PDB file of N, CA and C in Angstrom:
ATOM      1  N   ASN A   1      14.023  -5.928  -0.999  1.00  0.00           N
ATOM      2  CA  ASN A   1      15.279  -5.637  -0.331  1.00  0.00           C
ATOM      3  C   ASN A   1      15.093  -4.699   0.849  1.00  0.00           C
ATOM      4  N   ARG A   2      14.156  -3.746   0.729  1.00  0.00           N
ATOM      5  CA  ARG A   2      13.951  -2.760   1.797  1.00  0.00           C
ATOM      6  C   ARG A   2      13.493  -3.431   3.095  1.00  0.00           C
ATOM      7  N   ALA A   3      12.586  -4.388   2.994  1.00  0.00           N
ATOM      8  CA  ALA A   3      12.102  -5.086   4.185  1.00  0.00           C
ATOM      9  C   ALA A   3      13.246  -5.806   4.886  1.00  0.00           C
ATOM     10  N   TYR A   4      14.131  -6.428   4.118  1.00  0.00           N
ATOM     11  CA  TYR A   4      15.275  -7.120   4.711  1.00  0.00           C
ATOM     12  C   TYR A   4      16.267  -6.135   5.332  1.00  0.00           C
ATOM     13  N   LYS A   5      16.423  -4.965   4.721  1.00  0.00           N
ATOM     14  CA  LYS A   5      17.316  -3.931   5.265  1.00  0.00           C
ATOM     15  C   LYS A   5      16.799  -3.445   6.617  1.00  0.00           C
ATOM     16  N   ILE A   6      15.502  -3.175   6.701  1.00  0.00           N
ATOM     17  CA  ILE A   6      14.908  -2.711   7.955  1.00  0.00           C
ATOM     18  C   ILE A   6      14.984  -3.813   9.009  1.00  0.00           C
ATOM     19  N   GLU A   7      14.742  -5.052   8.590  1.00  0.00           N
ATOM     20  CA  GLU A   7      14.849  -6.184   9.513  1.00  0.00           C
ATOM     21  C   GLU A   7      16.249  -6.245  10.116  1.00  0.00           C
ATOM     22  N   GLN A   8      17.276  -6.073   9.297  1.00  0.00           N
ATOM     23  CA  GLN A   8      18.655  -6.115   9.785  1.00  0.00           C
ATOM     24  C   GLN A   8      18.919  -4.979  10.781  1.00  0.00           C
ATOM     25  N   GLU A   9      18.417  -3.781  10.481  1.00  0.00           N
ATOM     26  CA  GLU A   9      18.573  -2.654  11.400  1.00  0.00           C
ATOM     27  C   GLU A   9      17.944  -2.964  12.753  1.00  0.00           C
ATOM     28  N   MET A  10      16.746  -3.515  12.739  1.00  0.00           N
ATOM     29  CA  MET A  10      16.055  -3.830  13.986  1.00  0.00           C
ATOM     30  C   MET A  10      16.760  -4.947  14.738  1.00  0.00           C
ATOM     31  N   ASN A  11      17.213  -5.966  14.020  1.00  0.00           N
ATOM     32  CA  ASN A  11      17.907  -7.081  14.670  1.00  0.00           C
ATOM     33  C   ASN A  11      19.239  -6.661  15.264  1.00  0.00           C
ATOM     34  N   ASN A  12      19.905  -5.689  14.641  1.00  0.00           N
ATOM     35  CA  ASN A  12      21.162  -5.191  15.193  1.00  0.00           C
ATOM     36  C   ASN A  12      20.943  -4.493  16.524  1.00  0.00           C
ATOM     37  N   LEU A  13      19.862  -3.728  16.638  1.00  0.00           N
ATOM     38  CA  LEU A  13      19.575  -2.988  17.857  1.00  0.00           C
ATOM     39  C   LEU A  13      18.831  -3.828  18.888  1.00  0.00           C
ATOM     40  N   LEU A  14      17.961  -4.705  18.419  1.00  0.00           N
ATOM     41  CA  LEU A  14      17.110  -5.520  19.303  1.00  0.00           C
ATOM     42  C   LEU A  14      17.190  -6.990  18.889  1.00  0.00           C
ATOM     43  N   PRO A  15      18.304  -7.662  19.168  1.00  0.00           N
ATOM     44  CA  PRO A  15      18.482  -9.040  18.681  1.00  0.00           C
ATOM     45  C   PRO A  15      17.469 -10.044  19.236  1.00  0.00           C
ATOM     46  N   GLU A  16      16.846  -9.745  20.360  1.00  0.00           N
ATOM     47  CA  GLU A  16      15.869 -10.667  20.947  1.00  0.00           C
ATOM     48  C   GLU A  16      14.499 -10.581  20.284  1.00  0.00           C
ATOM     49  N   LEU A  17      14.298  -9.572  19.438  1.00  0.00           N
ATOM     50  CA  LEU A  17      13.012  -9.347  18.784  1.00  0.00           C
ATOM     51  C   LEU A  17      12.832 -10.315  17.622  1.00  0.00           C
ATOM     52  N   LYS A  18      11.689 -10.991  17.587  1.00  0.00           N
ATOM     53  CA  LYS A  18      11.368 -11.899  16.473  1.00  0.00           C
ATOM     54  C   LYS A  18      10.892 -11.077  15.281  1.00  0.00           C
ATOM     55  N   THR A  19      11.466 -11.338  14.111  1.00  0.00           N
ATOM     56  CA  THR A  19      11.064 -10.629  12.901  1.00  0.00           C
ATOM     57  C   THR A  19      10.822 -11.637  11.784  1.00  0.00           C
ATOM     58  N   TYR A  20       9.882 -11.292  10.897  1.00  0.00           N
ATOM     59  CA  TYR A  20       9.521 -12.164   9.788  1.00  0.00           C
ATOM     60  C   TYR A  20       9.290 -11.299   8.549  1.00  0.00           C
ATOM     61  N   VAL A  21       9.974 -11.589   7.469  1.00  0.00           N
ATOM     62  CA  VAL A  21       9.713 -10.911   6.201  1.00  0.00           C
ATOM     63  C   VAL A  21       8.801 -11.828   5.395  1.00  0.00           C
ATOM     64  N   VAL A  22       7.649 -11.282   4.985  1.00  0.00           N
ATOM     65  CA  VAL A  22       6.667 -12.070   4.239  1.00  0.00           C
ATOM     66  C   VAL A  22       6.204 -11.287   3.015  1.00  0.00           C
ATOM     67  N   PHE A  23       5.764 -12.008   2.016  1.00  0.00           N
ATOM     68  CA  PHE A  23       5.204 -11.373   0.818  1.00  0.00           C
ATOM     69  C   PHE A  23       3.700 -11.549   0.850  1.00  0.00           C
ATOM     70  N   LYS A  24       2.992 -10.431   0.857  1.00  0.00           N
ATOM     71  CA  LYS A  24       1.543 -10.440   0.784  1.00  0.00           C
ATOM     72  C   LYS A  24       1.187  -9.517  -0.369  1.00  0.00           C
ATOM     73  N   SER A  25       0.852 -10.097  -1.486  1.00  0.00           N
ATOM     74  CA  SER A  25       0.694  -9.376  -2.742  1.00  0.00           C
ATOM     75  C   SER A  25      -0.099  -8.084  -2.555  1.00  0.00           C
ATOM     76  N   PRO A  26       0.406  -7.003  -3.052  1.00  0.00           N
ATOM     77  CA  PRO A  26       1.593  -6.815  -3.883  1.00  0.00           C
ATOM     78  C   PRO A  26       2.813  -6.331  -3.087  1.00  0.00           C
ATOM     79  N   ASN A  27       2.809  -6.488  -1.760  1.00  0.00           N
ATOM     80  CA  ASN A  27       3.861  -5.886  -0.938  1.00  0.00           C
ATOM     81  C   ASN A  27       4.654  -6.911  -0.130  1.00  0.00           C
ATOM     82  N   TRP A  28       5.907  -6.553   0.112  1.00  0.00           N
ATOM     83  CA  TRP A  28       6.724  -7.260   1.089  1.00  0.00           C
ATOM     84  C   TRP A  28       6.472  -6.597   2.429  1.00  0.00           C
ATOM     85  N   ARG A  29       6.338  -7.380   3.485  1.00  0.00           N
ATOM     86  CA  ARG A  29       6.084  -6.840   4.822  1.00  0.00           C
ATOM     87  C   ARG A  29       7.106  -7.381   5.797  1.00  0.00           C
ATOM     88  N   LEU A  30       7.420  -6.557   6.763  1.00  0.00           N
ATOM     89  CA  LEU A  30       8.256  -6.981   7.890  1.00  0.00           C
ATOM     90  C   LEU A  30       7.349  -7.053   9.105  1.00  0.00           C
ATOM     91  N   LEU A  31       7.112  -8.254   9.593  1.00  0.00           N
ATOM     92  CA  LEU A  31       6.322  -8.451  10.797  1.00  0.00           C
ATOM     93  C   LEU A  31       7.285  -8.554  11.967  1.00  0.00           C
ATOM     94  N   VAL A  32       6.916  -7.912  13.062  1.00  0.00           N
ATOM     95  CA  VAL A  32       7.814  -7.847  14.218  1.00  0.00           C
ATOM     96  C   VAL A  32       7.068  -8.338  15.447  1.00  0.00           C
ATOM     97  N   GLY A  33       7.642  -9.343  16.112  1.00  0.00           N
ATOM     98  CA  GLY A  33       7.135  -9.785  17.402  1.00  0.00           C
ATOM     99  C   GLY A  33       5.928 -10.691  17.338  1.00  0.00           C
ATOM    100  N   ASN A  34       5.685 -11.324  18.484  1.00  0.00           N
ATOM    101  CA  ASN A  34       4.527 -12.183  18.714  1.00  0.00           C
ATOM    102  C   ASN A  34       3.912 -11.723  20.030  1.00  0.00           C
ATOM    103  N   TYR A  35       2.733 -11.143  19.971  1.00  0.00           N
ATOM    104  CA  TYR A  35       2.123 -10.566  21.162  1.00  0.00           C
ATOM    105  C   TYR A  35       0.779 -11.210  21.418  1.00  0.00           C
ATOM    106  N   ARG A  36       0.515 -11.497  22.668  1.00  0.00           N
ATOM    107  CA  ARG A  36      -0.745 -12.137  23.052  1.00  0.00           C
ATOM    108  C   ARG A  36      -1.888 -11.139  23.165  1.00  0.00           C
ATOM    109  N   THR A  37      -1.580  -9.895  23.522  1.00  0.00           N
ATOM    110  CA  THR A  37      -2.631  -8.907  23.728  1.00  0.00           C
ATOM    111  C   THR A  37      -2.347  -7.644  22.914  1.00  0.00           C
ATOM    112  N   SER A  38      -3.405  -6.871  22.687  1.00  0.00           N
ATOM    113  CA  SER A  38      -3.223  -5.608  21.974  1.00  0.00           C
ATOM    114  C   SER A  38      -2.423  -4.624  22.821  1.00  0.00           C
ATOM    115  N   GLU A  39      -2.501  -4.730  24.148  1.00  0.00           N
ATOM    116  CA  GLU A  39      -1.720  -3.858  25.022  1.00  0.00           C
ATOM    117  C   GLU A  39      -0.225  -4.095  24.830  1.00  0.00           C
ATOM    118  N   GLU A  40       0.166  -5.376  24.770  1.00  0.00           N
ATOM    119  CA  GLU A  40       1.581  -5.713  24.531  1.00  0.00           C
ATOM    120  C   GLU A  40       2.031  -5.171  23.175  1.00  0.00           C
ATOM    121  N   ALA A  41       1.221  -5.380  22.162  1.00  0.00           N
ATOM    122  CA  ALA A  41       1.565  -4.926  20.809  1.00  0.00           C
ATOM    123  C   ALA A  41       1.668  -3.406  20.754  1.00  0.00           C
ATOM    124  N   ASN A  42       0.730  -2.694  21.382  1.00  0.00           N
ATOM    125  CA  ASN A  42       0.764  -1.231  21.386  1.00  0.00           C
ATOM    126  C   ASN A  42       1.989  -0.689  22.116  1.00  0.00           C
ATOM    127  N   ALA A  43       2.358  -1.317  23.223  1.00  0.00           N
ATOM    128  CA  ALA A  43       3.545  -0.876  23.965  1.00  0.00           C
ATOM    129  C   ALA A  43       4.796  -1.048  23.111  1.00  0.00           C
ATOM    130  N   GLU A  44       4.905  -2.174  22.430  1.00  0.00           N
ATOM    131  CA  GLU A  44       6.064  -2.410  21.565  1.00  0.00           C
ATOM    132  C   GLU A  44       6.056  -1.464  20.364  1.00  0.00           C
ATOM    133  N   LEU A  45       4.898  -1.200  19.807  1.00  0.00           N
ATOM    134  CA  LEU A  45       4.789  -0.272  18.686  1.00  0.00           C
ATOM    135  C   LEU A  45       5.287   1.119  19.089  1.00  0.00           C
ATOM    136  N   ARG A  46       4.887   1.591  20.255  1.00  0.00           N
ATOM    137  CA  ARG A  46       5.364   2.902  20.734  1.00  0.00           C
ATOM    138  C   ARG A  46       6.880   2.915  20.866  1.00  0.00           C
ATOM    139  N   GLU A  47       7.444   1.835  21.403  1.00  0.00           N
ATOM    140  CA  GLU A  47       8.900   1.758  21.578  1.00  0.00           C
ATOM    141  C   GLU A  47       9.614   1.703  20.229  1.00  0.00           C
ATOM    142  N   LEU A  48       9.103   0.932  19.295  1.00  0.00           N
ATOM    143  CA  LEU A  48       9.723   0.847  17.973  1.00  0.00           C
ATOM    144  C   LEU A  48       9.649   2.182  17.235  1.00  0.00           C
ATOM    145  N   ARG A  49       8.529   2.889  17.381  1.00  0.00           N
ATOM    146  CA  ARG A  49       8.429   4.218  16.766  1.00  0.00           C
ATOM    147  C   ARG A  49       9.426   5.195  17.387  1.00  0.00           C
ATOM    148  N   ARG A  50       9.693   5.034  18.682  1.00  0.00           N
ATOM    149  CA  ARG A  50      10.677   5.884  19.345  1.00  0.00           C
ATOM    150  C   ARG A  50      12.092   5.556  18.849  1.00  0.00           C
ATOM    151  N   LEU A  51      12.391   4.273  18.718  1.00  0.00           N
ATOM    152  CA  LEU A  51      13.725   3.843  18.306  1.00  0.00           C
ATOM    153  C   LEU A  51      13.985   4.031  16.816  1.00  0.00           C
ATOM    154  N   PHE A  52      12.929   3.934  15.999  1.00  0.00           N
ATOM    155  CA  PHE A  52      13.062   4.023  14.547  1.00  0.00           C
ATOM    156  C   PHE A  52      12.069   5.049  13.992  1.00  0.00           C
ATOM    157  N   PRO A  53      12.255   6.330  14.331  1.00  0.00           N
ATOM    158  CA  PRO A  53      11.268   7.347  13.917  1.00  0.00           C
ATOM    159  C   PRO A  53      11.128   7.491  12.406  1.00  0.00           C
ATOM    160  N   VAL A  54      12.162   7.163  11.654  1.00  0.00           N
ATOM    161  CA  VAL A  54      12.090   7.293  10.195  1.00  0.00           C
ATOM    162  C   VAL A  54      11.041   6.339   9.595  1.00  0.00           C
ATOM    163  N   TYR A  55      10.747   5.238  10.273  1.00  0.00           N
ATOM    164  CA  TYR A  55       9.759   4.268   9.787  1.00  0.00           C
ATOM    165  C   TYR A  55       8.425   4.376  10.519  1.00  0.00           C
ATOM    166  N   GLY A  56       8.314   5.307  11.450  1.00  0.00           N
ATOM    167  CA  GLY A  56       7.150   5.400  12.329  1.00  0.00           C
ATOM    168  C   GLY A  56       5.812   5.437  11.632  1.00  0.00           C
ATOM    169  N   LYS A  57       5.714   6.170  10.529  1.00  0.00           N
ATOM    170  CA  LYS A  57       4.429   6.282   9.831  1.00  0.00           C
ATOM    171  C   LYS A  57       4.067   5.007   9.076  1.00  0.00           C
ATOM    172  N   GLU A  58       5.044   4.142   8.874  1.00  0.00           N
ATOM    173  CA  GLU A  58       4.795   2.882   8.160  1.00  0.00           C
ATOM    174  C   GLU A  58       4.456   1.746   9.114  1.00  0.00           C
ATOM    175  N   MET A  59       4.589   1.969  10.417  1.00  0.00           N
ATOM    176  CA  MET A  59       4.366   0.909  11.395  1.00  0.00           C
ATOM    177  C   MET A  59       2.917   0.895  11.855  1.00  0.00           C
ATOM    178  N   PHE A  60       2.362  -0.317  11.921  1.00  0.00           N
ATOM    179  CA  PHE A  60       1.014  -0.470  12.448  1.00  0.00           C
ATOM    180  C   PHE A  60       0.854  -1.907  12.921  1.00  0.00           C
ATOM    181  N   ILE A  61      -0.177  -2.136  13.690  1.00  0.00           N
ATOM    182  CA  ILE A  61      -0.430  -3.464  14.246  1.00  0.00           C
ATOM    183  C   ILE A  61      -1.239  -4.274  13.249  1.00  0.00           C
ATOM    184  N   VAL A  62      -0.791  -5.509  13.032  1.00  0.00           N
ATOM    185  CA  VAL A  62      -1.470  -6.446  12.140  1.00  0.00           C
ATOM    186  C   VAL A  62      -1.877  -7.652  12.964  1.00  0.00           C
ATOM    187  N   LYS A  63      -3.142  -7.971  12.945  1.00  0.00           N
ATOM    188  CA  LYS A  63      -3.613  -9.162  13.671  1.00  0.00           C
ATOM    189  C   LYS A  63      -3.364 -10.385  12.814  1.00  0.00           C
ATOM    190  N   GLU A  64      -2.611 -11.310  13.365  1.00  0.00           N
ATOM    191  CA  GLU A  64      -2.278 -12.564  12.699  1.00  0.00           C
ATOM    192  C   GLU A  64      -2.371 -13.677  13.742  1.00  0.00           C
ATOM    193  N   GLU A  65      -2.518 -14.871  13.289  1.00  0.00           N
ATOM    194  CA  GLU A  65      -2.442 -16.012  14.192  1.00  0.00           C
ATOM    195  C   GLU A  65      -0.970 -16.338  14.378  1.00  0.00           C
ATOM    196  N   ILE A  66      -0.573 -16.517  15.634  1.00  0.00           N
ATOM    197  CA  ILE A  66       0.838 -16.781  15.921  1.00  0.00           C
ATOM    198  C   ILE A  66       0.979 -18.135  16.603  1.00  0.00           C
ATOM    199  N   VAL A  67       2.168 -18.693  16.504  1.00  0.00           N
ATOM    200  CA  VAL A  67       2.503 -19.938  17.186  1.00  0.00           C
ATOM    201  C   VAL A  67       3.385 -19.574  18.359  1.00  0.00           C
ATOM    202  N   LEU A  68       2.963 -19.913  19.555  1.00  0.00           N
ATOM    203  CA  LEU A  68       3.738 -19.592  20.753  1.00  0.00           C
ATOM    204  C   LEU A  68       4.609 -20.747  21.176  1.00  0.00           C
TER     205      LEU A  68
END
């Protein structure tokens, strides 16, 4: 439920942001955005930490294969 709650908070503030809630045992994860480069991902991470400081320590970059 927590991942979906955070997803809703982010979507309310940033509706253009792509979000995905996934289960990767043993945790639920909220993946945010599709970035081609680490620079793009780092810039967005800094902005999300600024906008959502309460979750800042839980945010990190995860390398995944994405469909563009």
